């Protein structure tokens, strides 16, 4: 029973002992075979979600055990480089995983940039091409209306009013798809424009408090705009809120932004969230933020509303990187 108790107290003892054994074998001249075992140990550690700090601590303890057994400084100087080689091989799966993650992030960033370019193309097409077509329709109707009796002219006037409404809606859709103000003036004026439109349509007060005025890299400004756009859409559709607050500020080299509502919250646990509010777009939010090194935190209570908070690292020299952009 005592042996069982000791084993429960040290759940990772088996891995630690195996690491020490493999390290001793390699230092003693185990060669490529022992080095291959180091790689396999690294894969196991990664699969078991051992951190780099855990591995450094484990390696430190293993080296200390070897030092206690070493005979003289010459022997110590001989095996220390070998222990470094063993650790490097053990950590190579971590390096490969990190590279894979970086490649995935770069691919996601490129995908987002491609999507934004396509959205921009569609927005300009809606604004320019559809606008030109409506102008042509207006001119054609004006020609047809010439010389018609007054009752028919009144009907044409009503058609003209409807076309004006269509034009107004297309213009709004175009601006919200990709507002030119985002490229020209930056994300803070863009979200003010966005919030003003949503507030009027939904009859919902939206308060904006921004301590940030500097321009940021295009990809970060776009990410911030899309985050606010998605969060406001969610709040209007699902929260049944009476007010929304948007706040943006900086903490040294980190940009913070939060959107809070006083409506109906939801269960943030993944297994509950999936069936409750599928349309929240939280996965898309996290993916966009991951592409720029950002993180998302959700706090929600079914009686006190929801707050979405993001953190994005921003280097100081990015502050005015977009000011010369045209």
Foldseek 3Di string as FASTA:
>chain_A
DVVVVVCVVCVCVVLLVVLLVLLVCVLVPVPPVSLVVLLVSLVVCVVVVPDPVNLVVSLVVSLVVVVVVDDDPVSVVSRPVVSVSSSVSNCVVVVVVVVVLVVVLQVLLVVVVVVLVVLLVVLVCLLPVVVVVLVVVVVVLVVVLPPDDPVVVVVSVVVNVVSVVVNVVSNVVSCLSPNVCCQQQRQVVSVVVVQVVLCVVLVAAEAEAEPARFHFPSLVRVLVNVVSNLQSVCCSVPFPFRYKYWYWDDDQQKIKIKIWTQGAWADPPVVRCCPPCVSSCVVVSQSSQVSQPKDWDWDTDRRGTIMIMMIGGHDPVRRHVSVPPD
